[in-house]
Amino acid sequence: MEAAMGLMRRIHPKHTDTALSALLSLMPEHSSDLLSQVDQPLQVLCDEESAKEFILCEYNRDADSYRSPWTNKYQPPLEDGLYPSVELRNLEIEANDVFAVYCDQYYEGGVSSVYMWEDDNEGFVACFLIKKDGSRSGHGRRGYLHEGQWDAIHVIEVGPEDEGTARYCLTSTVMLSLTTNNDSCGTFSLSGSIRRQMSMQLSVAEGHLCNMGRMIEELEGKLRNSLDQVYFGKTREMVCTLRPPAELATMKLPDS
């Protein structure tokens, strides 16, 4: 299992589904662990009743059906599917509306979904998902990339309230994959994933949604900075070292 997880961490995000299917066939006894621990690129389905897209993941799946956050119905229909309580469903509806605005402002478009369910510790768990297709044929507004995917998964465990406060534990994962193919820079591919955690004890006076939103915004900012420094920064440094920009290559050294 340890070797399998190490392999999945090094697989190109675009090939995660193929690699996971191969591991499931080789290690069927570990299927539940693999499916719960391996983050896969997010898939999107359209809710025909609301005419809105929603994200498919393990957190809104029951059997082979997926629950839409917009209508609270499973597609394909499922008679005995799992649903959140009325109180949690109302919070889920509000969170989806707010997170759609967050997605539009921070990502300039994309698909977002929020799912919530009760846990065994008298608290609840919330999953905030964003999928941004930045390719020319996707929902990116700029369309500079031949292919480009950004998948963000934020899972927050909220403990029971105690004297006006609650414990929040956030685990965030970002998977990035991009490819360029044009005359100016040729063909270039970059991909990777990063995961971080943070925990906070916060007052619930302003509501759970405000607390969860602030934590996601803070940790997502840190993840973006890490990706910029680790992936783009190191790649730029290596490329400029191996193949310096044209203006530097044509500069003449001063006579000694």
Protein backbone atom coordinates (compact mmCIF):
# COMPACT_ATOMS: atom_id res chain seq x y z
CA MET A 1 0.00 0.00 0.00
CA GLU A 2 2.84 2.39 0.83
CA ALA A 3 4.49 1.67 -2.53
CA ALA A 4 1.18 2.18 -4.33
CA MET A 5 0.63 5.58 -2.70
CA GLY A 6 4.20 6.59 -3.54
CA LEU A 7 3.56 5.66 -7.16
CA MET A 8 0.32 7.64 -7.31
CA ARG A 9 2.05 10.75 -5.96
CA ARG A 10 4.45 10.64 -8.90
CA ILE A 11 1.94 9.92 -11.64
CA HIS A 12 0.97 12.69 -14.05
CA PRO A 13 -2.52 13.92 -12.97
CA LYS A 14 -3.75 13.29 -16.49
CA HIS A 15 -2.97 9.57 -16.08
CA THR A 16 -4.33 9.16 -12.54
CA ASP A 17 -7.51 7.36 -13.61
CA THR A 18 -5.58 4.79 -15.68
CA ALA A 19 -3.02 4.18 -12.94
CA LEU A 20 -5.70 3.88 -10.24
CA SER A 21 -7.68 1.37 -12.32
CA ALA A 22 -4.54 -0.73 -12.76
CA LEU A 23 -3.82 -0.68 -9.02
CA LEU A 24 -7.40 -1.62 -8.17
CA SER A 25 -7.14 -4.66 -10.41
CA LEU A 26 -3.80 -5.64 -8.87
CA MET A 27 -4.82 -4.92 -5.25
CA PRO A 28 -8.58 -5.47 -4.94
CA GLU A 29 -8.25 -6.03 -1.18
CA HIS A 30 -7.09 -2.40 -0.80
CA SER A 31 -9.74 -0.86 -3.05
CA SER A 32 -11.49 1.10 -0.28
CA ASP A 33 -8.18 2.56 0.96
CA LEU A 34 -7.05 3.50 -2.54
CA LEU A 35 -10.34 5.17 -3.46
CA SER A 36 -10.44 7.16 -0.22
CA GLN A 37 -6.78 8.27 -0.22
CA VAL A 38 -6.05 8.90 -3.90
CA ASP A 39 -7.26 12.26 -5.21
CA GLN A 40 -8.48 11.95 -8.79
CA PRO A 41 -9.07 14.71 -11.35
CA LEU A 42 -12.61 15.98 -10.89
CA GLN A 43 -15.37 15.16 -13.36
CA VAL A 44 -18.40 17.30 -14.20
CA LEU A 45 -22.02 16.40 -14.90
CA CYS A 46 -24.94 18.62 -15.89
CA ASP A 47 -28.05 18.67 -13.70
CA GLU A 48 -30.80 18.66 -16.30
CA GLU A 49 -33.47 19.96 -13.92
CA SER A 50 -31.53 23.06 -12.85
CA ALA A 51 -29.45 23.32 -16.06
CA LYS A 52 -26.32 23.72 -13.92
CA GLU A 53 -23.12 21.71 -13.86
CA PHE A 54 -21.92 20.01 -10.69
CA ILE A 55 -18.76 18.14 -9.74
CA LEU A 56 -18.58 14.38 -9.26
CA CYS A 57 -16.48 12.94 -6.46
CA GLU A 58 -16.52 10.29 -3.75
CA TYR A 59 -18.24 12.71 -1.35
CA ASN A 60 -21.52 12.94 -3.30
CA ARG A 61 -21.50 9.39 -4.62
CA ASP A 62 -23.81 6.58 -3.54
CA ALA A 63 -23.47 3.33 -5.50
CA ASP A 64 -23.18 4.50 -9.13
CA SER A 65 -25.21 7.71 -8.67
CA TYR A 66 -24.14 11.23 -7.78
CA ARG A 67 -26.13 13.78 -5.79
CA SER A 68 -26.55 17.23 -7.30
CA PRO A 69 -26.03 20.11 -4.84
CA TRP A 70 -28.54 22.23 -6.77
CA THR A 71 -31.58 19.95 -6.63
CA ASN A 72 -30.48 17.44 -3.95
CA LYS A 73 -31.36 14.62 -6.35
CA TYR A 74 -29.26 11.70 -7.51
CA GLN A 75 -28.31 11.12 -11.14
CA PRO A 76 -29.19 8.45 -12.19
CA PRO A 77 -32.16 8.38 -9.75
CA LEU A 78 -31.57 6.45 -6.54
CA GLU A 79 -34.42 5.52 -4.21
CA ASP A 80 -32.51 4.97 -0.96
CA GLY A 81 -29.63 7.41 -1.36
CA LEU A 82 -27.96 9.21 1.54
CA TYR A 83 -29.02 12.82 2.18
CA PRO A 84 -27.96 15.49 4.69
CA SER A 85 -30.34 16.62 7.40
CA VAL A 86 -32.68 19.54 6.75
CA GLU A 87 -30.51 21.94 8.78
CA LEU A 88 -27.34 20.82 7.05
CA ARG A 89 -29.00 20.93 3.65
CA ASN A 90 -29.96 24.58 4.20
CA LEU A 91 -26.33 25.37 5.05
CA GLU A 92 -25.23 23.43 1.96
CA ILE A 93 -27.53 25.50 -0.27
CA GLU A 94 -26.14 28.75 1.13
CA ALA A 95 -22.57 27.50 0.78
CA ASN A 96 -23.09 26.60 -2.88
CA ASP A 97 -24.41 30.07 -3.67
CA VAL A 98 -21.53 31.79 -1.87
CA PHE A 99 -18.86 29.49 -3.29
CA ALA A 100 -20.11 30.04 -6.85
CA VAL A 101 -19.39 33.76 -6.39
CA TYR A 102 -15.97 32.94 -4.89
CA CYS A 103 -15.18 30.73 -7.89
CA ASP A 104 -16.16 33.44 -10.36
CA GLN A 105 -14.15 36.17 -8.62
CA TYR A 106 -10.97 34.16 -7.97
CA TYR A 107 -10.95 31.88 -11.02
CA GLU A 108 -12.78 33.97 -13.63
CA GLY A 109 -15.24 31.14 -14.18
CA GLY A 110 -15.26 27.43 -13.57
CA VAL A 111 -17.51 24.89 -11.83
CA SER A 112 -17.94 24.71 -8.07
CA SER A 113 -19.84 22.36 -5.76
CA VAL A 114 -20.24 22.03 -1.99
CA TYR A 115 -21.37 18.88 -0.20
CA MET A 116 -22.03 18.35 3.50
CA TRP A 117 -22.81 15.34 5.66
CA GLU A 118 -22.98 14.40 9.34
CA ASP A 119 -20.11 12.56 11.01
CA ASP A 120 -20.00 10.26 14.03
CA ASN A 121 -18.71 12.94 16.45
CA GLU A 122 -21.85 15.11 16.55
CA GLY A 123 -20.28 17.47 14.05
CA PHE A 124 -20.28 17.53 10.27
CA VAL A 125 -17.95 17.47 7.28
CA ALA A 126 -18.03 19.83 4.31
CA CYS A 127 -16.34 19.40 0.94
CA PHE A 128 -15.73 22.45 -1.27
CA LEU A 129 -14.75 21.64 -4.87
CA ILE A 130 -13.58 23.79 -7.79
CA LYS A 131 -12.77 22.69 -11.32
CA LYS A 132 -11.37 25.21 -13.77
CA ASP A 133 -10.77 24.29 -17.40
CA GLY A 134 -8.37 26.90 -18.75
CA SER A 135 -7.96 25.43 -22.22
CA ARG A 136 -9.07 27.13 -25.42
CA SER A 137 -12.08 24.83 -25.67
CA GLY A 138 -12.96 25.06 -21.96
CA HIS A 139 -14.61 27.71 -19.81
CA GLY A 140 -11.45 29.79 -19.43
CA ARG A 141 -11.95 33.42 -20.36
CA ARG A 142 -8.45 33.87 -21.75
CA GLY A 143 -7.82 30.55 -23.44
CA TYR A 144 -4.03 30.76 -23.75
CA LEU A 145 -3.46 27.08 -23.01
CA HIS A 146 -3.78 24.13 -25.33
CA GLU A 147 -4.90 22.12 -22.29
CA GLY A 148 -5.22 23.33 -18.72
CA GLN A 149 -6.91 21.90 -15.63
CA TRP A 150 -7.06 23.18 -12.06
CA ASP A 151 -8.79 20.92 -9.53
CA ALA A 152 -9.14 22.11 -5.93
CA ILE A 153 -10.53 19.89 -3.15
CA HIS A 154 -11.14 21.35 0.31
CA VAL A 155 -12.46 19.02 3.02
CA ILE A 156 -13.32 20.56 6.41
CA GLU A 157 -14.15 18.57 9.51
CA VAL A 158 -16.20 20.66 11.93
CA GLY A 159 -16.39 19.48 15.53
CA PRO A 160 -19.35 19.96 17.87
CA GLU A 161 -19.85 23.39 19.39
CA ASP A 162 -18.38 23.90 22.85
CA GLU A 163 -18.94 27.18 24.73
CA GLY A 164 -19.51 29.11 21.52
CA THR A 165 -16.52 27.72 19.63
CA ALA A 166 -15.84 24.80 17.29
CA ARG A 167 -12.77 23.00 16.02
CA TYR A 168 -12.15 23.18 12.27
CA CYS A 169 -9.70 20.89 10.48
CA LEU A 170 -9.12 21.72 6.81
CA THR A 171 -7.32 19.50 4.28
CA SER A 172 -6.77 21.11 0.88
CA THR A 173 -5.47 19.49 -2.29
CA VAL A 174 -4.75 21.22 -5.59
CA MET A 175 -3.99 19.33 -8.81
CA LEU A 176 -2.59 21.31 -11.73
CA SER A 177 -2.02 20.20 -15.30
CA LEU A 178 -1.25 22.44 -18.28
CA THR A 179 0.06 22.09 -21.83
CA THR A 180 0.99 24.75 -24.37
CA ASN A 181 1.30 24.21 -28.10
CA ASN A 182 1.97 27.33 -30.16
CA ASP A 183 4.66 28.96 -32.27
CA SER A 184 6.00 31.27 -29.57
CA CYS A 185 6.86 28.67 -26.93
CA GLY A 186 6.35 25.34 -28.69
CA THR A 187 5.02 22.34 -26.79
CA PHE A 188 5.41 22.43 -23.03
CA SER A 189 3.76 20.35 -20.29
CA LEU A 190 3.70 20.95 -16.55
CA SER A 191 1.74 19.10 -13.89
CA GLY A 192 1.73 18.31 -10.20
CA SER A 193 -0.28 18.27 -7.01
CA ILE A 194 0.10 19.72 -3.54
CA ARG A 195 -1.70 19.10 -0.24
CA ARG A 196 -1.72 21.10 3.00
CA GLN A 197 -3.63 21.03 6.30
CA MET A 198 -4.58 23.56 8.93
CA SER A 199 -6.64 23.44 12.13
CA MET A 200 -8.24 26.29 14.08
CA GLN A 201 -10.51 26.75 17.09
CA LEU A 202 -12.91 29.54 16.14
CA SER A 203 -15.95 31.28 17.52
CA VAL A 204 -19.21 30.35 15.80
CA ALA A 205 -20.76 33.76 16.41
CA GLU A 206 -20.53 34.66 12.71
CA GLY A 207 -21.56 31.18 11.57
CA HIS A 208 -19.77 28.13 10.27
CA LEU A 209 -19.81 29.32 6.67
CA CYS A 210 -17.81 32.49 7.43
CA ASN A 211 -15.20 30.50 9.34
CA MET A 212 -14.86 27.85 6.64
CA GLY A 213 -14.67 30.47 3.90
CA ARG A 214 -11.85 32.39 5.60
CA MET A 215 -9.84 29.20 6.15
CA ILE A 216 -10.24 28.10 2.52
CA GLU A 217 -9.26 31.53 1.24
CA GLU A 218 -6.16 31.63 3.44
CA LEU A 219 -4.94 28.12 2.66
CA GLU A 220 -5.69 28.41 -1.06
CA GLY A 221 -3.57 31.54 -1.19
CA LYS A 222 -0.68 29.64 0.38
CA LEU A 223 -1.14 26.77 -2.08
CA ARG A 224 -1.05 29.16 -5.05
CA ASN A 225 2.15 30.74 -3.76
CA SER A 226 3.74 27.32 -3.24
CA LEU A 227 2.82 26.21 -6.75
CA ASP A 228 4.18 29.45 -8.19
CA GLN A 229 7.49 29.08 -6.35
CA VAL A 230 8.00 25.32 -6.65
CA TYR A 231 6.61 24.51 -10.10
CA PHE A 232 6.74 27.72 -12.12
CA GLY A 233 9.70 29.28 -10.34
CA LYS A 234 11.97 26.22 -10.57
CA THR A 235 10.88 25.48 -14.13
CA ARG A 236 11.61 29.05 -15.20
CA GLU A 237 15.01 28.91 -13.51
CA MET A 238 15.97 25.65 -15.24
CA VAL A 239 14.72 26.74 -18.67
CA CYS A 240 16.51 30.08 -18.51
CA THR A 241 19.71 28.31 -17.41
CA LEU A 242 19.64 25.71 -20.17
CA ARG A 243 18.25 28.00 -22.87
CA PRO A 244 18.74 31.69 -21.99
CA PRO A 245 16.34 34.25 -23.46
CA ALA A 246 17.23 35.53 -26.93
CA GLU A 247 18.17 39.00 -25.72
CA LEU A 248 20.74 37.52 -23.33
CA ALA A 249 22.14 35.10 -25.87
CA THR A 250 22.83 37.87 -28.39
CA MET A 251 24.50 40.22 -25.90
CA LYS A 252 28.23 40.69 -26.50
CA LEU A 253 30.58 40.52 -23.59
CA PRO A 254 32.65 43.69 -23.05
CA ASP A 255 36.27 43.57 -24.19
CA SER A 256 38.64 42.75 -21.37
